Amino acid sequence: MAKLAFLGLGVMGGPMAGHLQRAGHDVTVYNRTTAKAEAWVETYGGAMAATPREAAAGADFVMACVGNDDDLRAVCTGADGAFADMPAGSVFVDHTTVSAAVTREMYAAADTKQISFVDAPISGGQAGAENAQLSIMCGGDAGAFERALPIMDVYAKICRRIGDSGAGQMTKCCNQIAIAGLVQGLSEALHFAEKAGLDGRAVTEVISQGAAGSWQMANRYETMLDGEFNHGFAVDWMRKDLDICLRTGDEIAASLPVTALVDQFYKDVQKLGGGRWDTSSLIERLRKMG
């Protein structure tokens, strides 16, 4: 069992940290909103700290799941950042979806302090975090990854090192690019069924058993048909991720025309007041805007 810190207790980080505590690890948590940390301790036990630095002091592993590039910099190297008091030889594991550029920046900053840094973005949504069924794609040194793997395995369905620092974040871009086009296609199919006067559930039951089947179809079609969009990853966060994908695509000369189009569709959803709706809300744009 290890001494751990977990920074960021949102809909993903909270359950992930809880799995670690229940697995027998000694977990100290930090969250920018103190009330969330207090509620987490009430639910799971463990301890809470007032700053990332305090949470990370003496930890073998520090895990983070925060919001964006600036949030990651803040918890790593900002005032009272974790790197200041992490012991030499410890490992920082970042589960946030951020740019590969900031990942490599934090990798280099950690290296100057003899700390290892693993980028380990996650996929699987809130349900994956709650059920310990996350897909984790990692970048960083092989030795650091192997040391952190038994910790990540507590909440992983699959956890794999893809390559050097930044490779995990590049893989997460692939994940979001694939999802964006797929959800738009599913939305159009269900919208077409509605306009054609078909029973959407009957249609999905049939087509899900063939080549059209997908995780999104299996897990989201009913709520999409019912107009319920509080079941997963928010549109605001998806647009943040797609911005990373599109900027990175420009940097590496990767053509992403469908991703760019779907990003604008999500912008339309935000204009409808759906920034906090889950990503399957693309169907609502079709219903209201055509």
Protein backbone atom coordinates (compact mmCIF):
# COMPACT_ATOMS: atom_id res chain seq x y z
CA MET A 1 0.00 0.00 0.00
CA ALA A 2 1.26 3.47 -0.91
CA LYS A 3 1.02 6.99 0.43
CA LEU A 4 -0.94 8.90 -2.20
CA ALA A 5 -2.20 12.38 -2.92
CA PHE A 6 -5.13 13.04 -5.25
CA LEU A 7 -5.63 16.56 -6.62
CA GLY A 8 -9.05 17.37 -8.06
CA LEU A 9 -12.32 15.79 -6.92
CA GLY A 10 -14.73 16.40 -9.78
CA VAL A 11 -17.10 13.81 -11.21
CA MET A 12 -14.10 11.75 -12.34
CA GLY A 13 -11.48 12.45 -9.70
CA GLY A 14 -13.74 11.98 -6.70
CA PRO A 15 -14.68 8.36 -7.45
CA MET A 16 -11.14 7.53 -8.60
CA ALA A 17 -9.66 8.76 -5.35
CA GLY A 18 -12.35 6.85 -3.49
CA HIS A 19 -11.36 3.58 -5.18
CA LEU A 20 -7.77 4.14 -4.06
CA GLN A 21 -8.75 4.76 -0.46
CA ARG A 22 -11.03 1.72 -0.40
CA ALA A 23 -8.21 -0.38 -1.88
CA GLY A 24 -6.22 0.31 1.27
CA HIS A 25 -3.96 3.16 0.15
CA ASP A 26 -3.30 6.13 2.41
CA VAL A 27 -4.92 8.95 0.41
CA THR A 28 -4.78 12.69 1.08
CA VAL A 29 -6.97 14.79 -1.20
CA TYR A 30 -6.96 18.39 -2.34
CA ASN A 31 -9.72 20.25 -4.12
CA ARG A 32 -9.97 23.93 -4.97
CA THR A 33 -13.47 23.96 -3.44
CA THR A 34 -12.87 22.85 0.13
CA ALA A 35 -16.43 21.62 0.64
CA LYS A 36 -15.87 18.87 -1.95
CA ALA A 37 -12.78 17.65 -0.11
CA GLU A 38 -14.68 17.65 3.17
CA ALA A 39 -17.51 15.65 1.61
CA TRP A 40 -15.02 13.19 0.11
CA VAL A 41 -13.37 12.56 3.49
CA GLU A 42 -16.81 12.12 5.04
CA THR A 43 -17.62 9.45 2.45
CA TYR A 44 -14.33 7.61 2.08
CA GLY A 45 -12.12 8.45 5.05
CA GLY A 46 -8.54 9.44 4.33
CA ALA A 47 -7.39 13.01 4.83
CA MET A 48 -7.59 16.40 3.13
CA ALA A 49 -5.08 19.18 2.67
CA ALA A 50 -5.37 22.91 2.12
CA THR A 51 -2.92 23.06 -0.82
CA PRO A 52 -1.49 20.71 -3.46
CA ARG A 53 1.91 21.12 -1.82
CA GLU A 54 0.59 20.00 1.56
CA ALA A 55 -1.27 17.05 0.03
CA ALA A 56 1.82 15.88 -1.89
CA ALA A 57 4.31 16.16 0.96
CA GLY A 58 5.95 12.76 1.41
CA ALA A 59 3.67 11.03 -1.13
CA ASP A 60 4.90 8.10 -3.21
CA PHE A 61 2.45 8.99 -5.98
CA VAL A 62 0.48 12.14 -6.70
CA MET A 63 -2.51 11.79 -9.01
CA ALA A 64 -4.25 14.78 -10.58
CA CYS A 65 -7.54 15.22 -12.43
CA VAL A 66 -8.13 18.93 -12.84
CA GLY A 67 -9.54 21.16 -15.60
CA ASN A 68 -7.10 22.48 -18.18
CA ASP A 69 -3.51 23.48 -18.93
CA ASP A 70 -3.51 26.40 -16.49
CA ASP A 71 -5.04 24.27 -13.72
CA LEU A 72 -2.35 21.65 -14.21
CA ARG A 73 0.43 24.25 -14.04
CA ALA A 74 -1.12 25.65 -10.87
CA VAL A 75 -1.23 22.33 -8.99
CA CYS A 76 2.26 21.32 -10.18
CA THR A 77 4.46 24.40 -10.19
CA GLY A 78 2.28 27.29 -9.02
CA ALA A 79 2.27 28.86 -5.59
CA ASP A 80 1.97 25.89 -3.17
CA GLY A 81 2.25 23.48 -6.10
CA ALA A 82 2.81 19.77 -5.52
CA PHE A 83 6.30 19.62 -7.04
CA ALA A 84 7.71 21.75 -4.21
CA ASP A 85 7.37 19.02 -1.57
CA MET A 86 7.23 15.78 -3.57
CA PRO A 87 10.18 13.59 -2.57
CA ALA A 88 12.84 12.64 -5.11
CA GLY A 89 11.87 9.39 -6.81
CA SER A 90 8.13 9.95 -6.48
CA VAL A 91 5.75 9.88 -9.46
CA PHE A 92 3.19 12.46 -10.58
CA VAL A 93 0.37 10.95 -12.65
CA ASP A 94 -1.80 13.41 -14.55
CA HIS A 95 -5.26 12.19 -15.54
CA THR A 96 -6.36 15.60 -16.88
CA THR A 97 -6.94 16.08 -20.59
CA VAL A 98 -4.47 18.83 -21.47
CA SER A 99 -2.18 19.72 -24.36
CA ALA A 100 0.87 17.61 -25.08
CA ALA A 101 2.86 20.86 -24.89
CA VAL A 102 2.02 21.53 -21.22
CA THR A 103 2.57 17.85 -20.48
CA ARG A 104 6.12 18.03 -21.81
CA GLU A 105 6.64 21.28 -19.91
CA MET A 106 5.59 19.64 -16.63
CA TYR A 107 7.65 16.53 -17.45
CA ALA A 108 10.75 18.72 -17.78
CA ALA A 109 9.94 20.66 -14.59
CA ALA A 110 9.46 17.43 -12.67
CA ASP A 111 12.73 16.03 -14.00
CA THR A 112 14.70 18.93 -12.50
CA LYS A 113 13.40 17.83 -9.10
CA GLN A 114 14.08 14.12 -9.70
CA ILE A 115 10.34 13.47 -9.94
CA SER A 116 8.78 11.31 -12.67
CA PHE A 117 5.79 12.61 -14.63
CA VAL A 118 3.32 10.35 -16.44
CA ASP A 119 0.56 11.77 -18.64
CA ALA A 120 -2.40 9.45 -18.25
CA PRO A 121 -5.65 10.92 -19.63
CA ILE A 122 -8.76 8.85 -19.16
CA SER A 123 -11.85 7.82 -21.10
CA GLY A 124 -15.02 6.15 -19.92
CA GLY A 125 -17.00 9.01 -18.46
CA GLN A 126 -18.46 9.39 -15.01
CA ALA A 127 -19.81 5.84 -15.07
CA GLY A 128 -16.34 4.51 -15.91
CA ALA A 129 -14.85 6.38 -12.96
CA GLU A 130 -17.56 5.23 -10.57
CA ASN A 131 -17.33 1.59 -11.71
CA ALA A 132 -13.51 1.46 -11.99
CA GLN A 133 -13.77 0.79 -15.74
CA LEU A 134 -11.64 3.56 -17.22
CA SER A 135 -9.47 3.38 -20.31
CA ILE A 136 -6.14 5.03 -19.49
CA MET A 137 -3.66 6.02 -22.20
CA CYS A 138 -0.19 6.91 -20.95
CA GLY A 139 2.98 8.70 -21.96
CA GLY A 140 6.26 9.03 -20.09
CA ASP A 141 9.22 6.95 -19.03
CA ALA A 142 8.63 3.21 -19.04
CA GLY A 143 9.98 2.74 -15.52
CA ALA A 144 7.70 5.41 -14.04
CA PHE A 145 4.71 3.93 -15.85
CA GLU A 146 5.44 0.43 -14.53
CA ARG A 147 5.68 1.78 -10.97
CA ALA A 148 2.39 3.67 -11.28
CA LEU A 149 0.52 0.88 -13.09
CA PRO A 150 -0.63 -1.01 -9.97
CA ILE A 151 -2.10 2.25 -8.63
CA MET A 152 -3.94 3.06 -11.85
CA ASP A 153 -5.14 -0.51 -12.21
CA VAL A 154 -7.40 0.09 -9.19
CA TYR A 155 -9.79 2.09 -11.41
CA ALA A 156 -8.79 0.94 -14.90
CA LYS A 157 -10.39 -1.40 -17.40
CA ILE A 158 -7.27 -1.04 -19.54
CA CYS A 159 -4.11 0.97 -18.90
CA ARG A 160 -1.39 1.10 -21.53
CA ARG A 161 1.77 3.10 -22.16
CA ILE A 162 1.70 4.44 -25.71
CA GLY A 163 5.10 6.15 -25.79
CA ASP A 164 7.20 9.00 -24.43
CA SER A 165 5.93 12.11 -22.65
CA GLY A 166 2.90 13.54 -24.43
CA ALA A 167 1.91 10.30 -26.15
CA GLY A 168 -0.96 9.77 -23.72
CA GLN A 169 -2.40 13.19 -24.50
CA MET A 170 -2.00 12.64 -28.24
CA THR A 171 -3.92 9.37 -27.86
CA LYS A 172 -6.67 11.18 -25.95
CA CYS A 173 -6.97 13.50 -28.95
CA CYS A 174 -7.60 10.42 -31.09
CA ASN A 175 -10.27 9.34 -28.61
CA GLN A 176 -12.11 12.68 -28.69
CA ILE A 177 -11.85 12.96 -32.48
CA ALA A 178 -13.45 9.52 -32.85
CA ILE A 179 -16.22 10.31 -30.36
CA ALA A 180 -17.12 13.67 -31.91
CA GLY A 181 -17.94 12.25 -35.33
CA LEU A 182 -19.63 9.19 -33.90
CA VAL A 183 -22.01 11.15 -31.64
CA GLN A 184 -22.99 13.43 -34.51
CA GLY A 185 -23.72 10.41 -36.70
CA LEU A 186 -25.79 8.78 -33.96
CA SER A 187 -27.68 12.03 -33.38
CA GLU A 188 -28.51 12.31 -37.07
CA ALA A 189 -29.68 8.68 -37.22
CA LEU A 190 -32.02 9.07 -34.24
CA HIS A 191 -33.26 12.44 -35.51
CA PHE A 192 -33.96 10.88 -38.91
CA ALA A 193 -35.94 8.09 -37.22
CA GLU A 194 -38.01 10.65 -35.33
CA LYS A 195 -38.75 12.67 -38.48
CA ALA A 196 -39.66 9.47 -40.34
CA GLY A 197 -42.18 8.53 -37.66
CA LEU A 198 -40.27 5.42 -36.62
CA ASP A 199 -39.98 3.94 -33.14
CA GLY A 200 -36.46 5.04 -32.19
CA ARG A 201 -36.04 2.27 -29.66
CA ALA A 202 -37.04 -0.42 -32.14
CA VAL A 203 -34.74 1.09 -34.77
CA THR A 204 -31.81 1.13 -32.37
CA GLU A 205 -32.46 -2.42 -31.19
CA VAL A 206 -32.03 -3.61 -34.75
CA ILE A 207 -29.17 -1.46 -36.02
CA SER A 208 -27.14 -1.78 -32.81
CA GLN A 209 -26.64 -5.47 -33.56
CA GLY A 210 -24.96 -4.72 -36.88
CA ALA A 211 -22.11 -2.54 -38.08
CA ALA A 212 -23.70 0.63 -36.68
CA GLY A 213 -23.39 -0.54 -33.09
CA SER A 214 -21.18 1.40 -30.66
CA TRP A 215 -20.69 2.16 -26.98
CA GLN A 216 -22.39 5.51 -27.49
CA MET A 217 -25.40 3.86 -29.08
CA ALA A 218 -25.70 1.22 -26.38
CA ASN A 219 -25.32 3.65 -23.48
CA ARG A 220 -26.88 6.89 -24.73
CA TYR A 221 -29.64 6.20 -27.25
CA GLU A 222 -32.47 6.03 -24.69
CA THR A 223 -31.54 9.25 -22.93
CA MET A 224 -31.02 10.95 -26.30
CA LEU A 225 -34.51 9.90 -27.39
CA ASP A 226 -35.91 11.12 -24.06
CA GLY A 227 -34.05 14.43 -24.21
CA GLU A 228 -32.10 13.78 -21.02
CA PHE A 229 -28.55 15.12 -21.11
CA ASN A 230 -27.20 14.86 -17.57
CA HIS A 231 -25.43 11.53 -17.93
CA GLY A 232 -21.84 12.26 -18.77
CA PHE A 233 -19.08 14.50 -20.04
CA ALA A 234 -20.20 18.13 -20.44
CA VAL A 235 -20.25 20.02 -23.74
CA ASP A 236 -18.09 22.79 -22.22
CA TRP A 237 -15.35 20.25 -21.48
CA MET A 238 -15.72 18.60 -24.87
CA ARG A 239 -15.14 21.94 -26.59
CA LYS A 240 -12.02 22.42 -24.47
CA ASP A 241 -10.78 19.02 -25.61
CA LEU A 242 -11.67 19.58 -29.26
CA ASP A 243 -9.80 22.88 -29.18
CA ILE A 244 -6.71 20.93 -28.10
CA CYS A 245 -7.32 18.44 -30.93
CA LEU A 246 -7.70 21.14 -33.56
CA ARG A 247 -4.70 23.17 -32.41
CA THR A 248 -2.57 20.04 -32.28
CA GLY A 249 -3.86 18.99 -35.70
CA ASP A 250 -2.65 22.30 -37.11
CA GLU A 251 0.75 21.79 -35.48
CA ILE A 252 1.26 18.32 -36.95
CA ALA A 253 -0.53 18.98 -40.28
CA ALA A 254 -3.37 16.52 -39.57
CA SER A 255 -6.59 17.28 -41.45
CA LEU A 256 -9.65 17.20 -39.14
CA PRO A 257 -12.60 18.57 -41.14
CA VAL A 258 -15.33 16.58 -39.37
CA THR A 259 -13.91 17.41 -35.94
CA ALA A 260 -13.88 21.12 -36.80
CA LEU A 261 -17.50 20.93 -37.97
CA VAL A 262 -18.73 19.06 -34.89
CA ASP A 263 -16.90 21.53 -32.66
CA GLN A 264 -19.06 24.27 -34.20
CA PHE A 265 -22.17 22.16 -33.62
CA TYR A 266 -21.21 21.96 -29.94
CA LYS A 267 -20.84 25.74 -29.99
CA ASP A 268 -24.47 25.87 -31.15
CA VAL A 269 -25.44 23.65 -28.21
CA GLN A 270 -23.74 26.11 -25.86
CA LYS A 271 -25.81 28.90 -27.42
CA LEU A 272 -28.92 26.86 -26.60
CA GLY A 273 -27.85 26.93 -22.94
CA GLY A 274 -26.48 23.40 -23.04
CA GLY A 275 -22.91 23.96 -21.94
CA ARG A 276 -23.39 21.60 -19.01
CA TRP A 277 -25.41 19.05 -20.98
CA ASP A 278 -23.58 15.85 -21.84
CA THR A 279 -22.06 15.37 -25.27
CA SER A 280 -25.00 13.34 -26.59
CA SER A 281 -26.98 16.62 -26.67
CA LEU A 282 -25.98 17.10 -30.30
CA ILE A 283 -29.38 15.60 -31.11
CA GLU A 284 -31.09 18.52 -29.37
CA ARG A 285 -29.33 20.90 -31.74
CA LEU A 286 -30.88 19.03 -34.66
CA ARG A 287 -34.32 19.18 -33.08
CA LYS A 288 -34.13 22.90 -32.38
CA MET A 289 -31.88 24.26 -35.12
CA GLY A 290 -32.01 21.68 -37.91
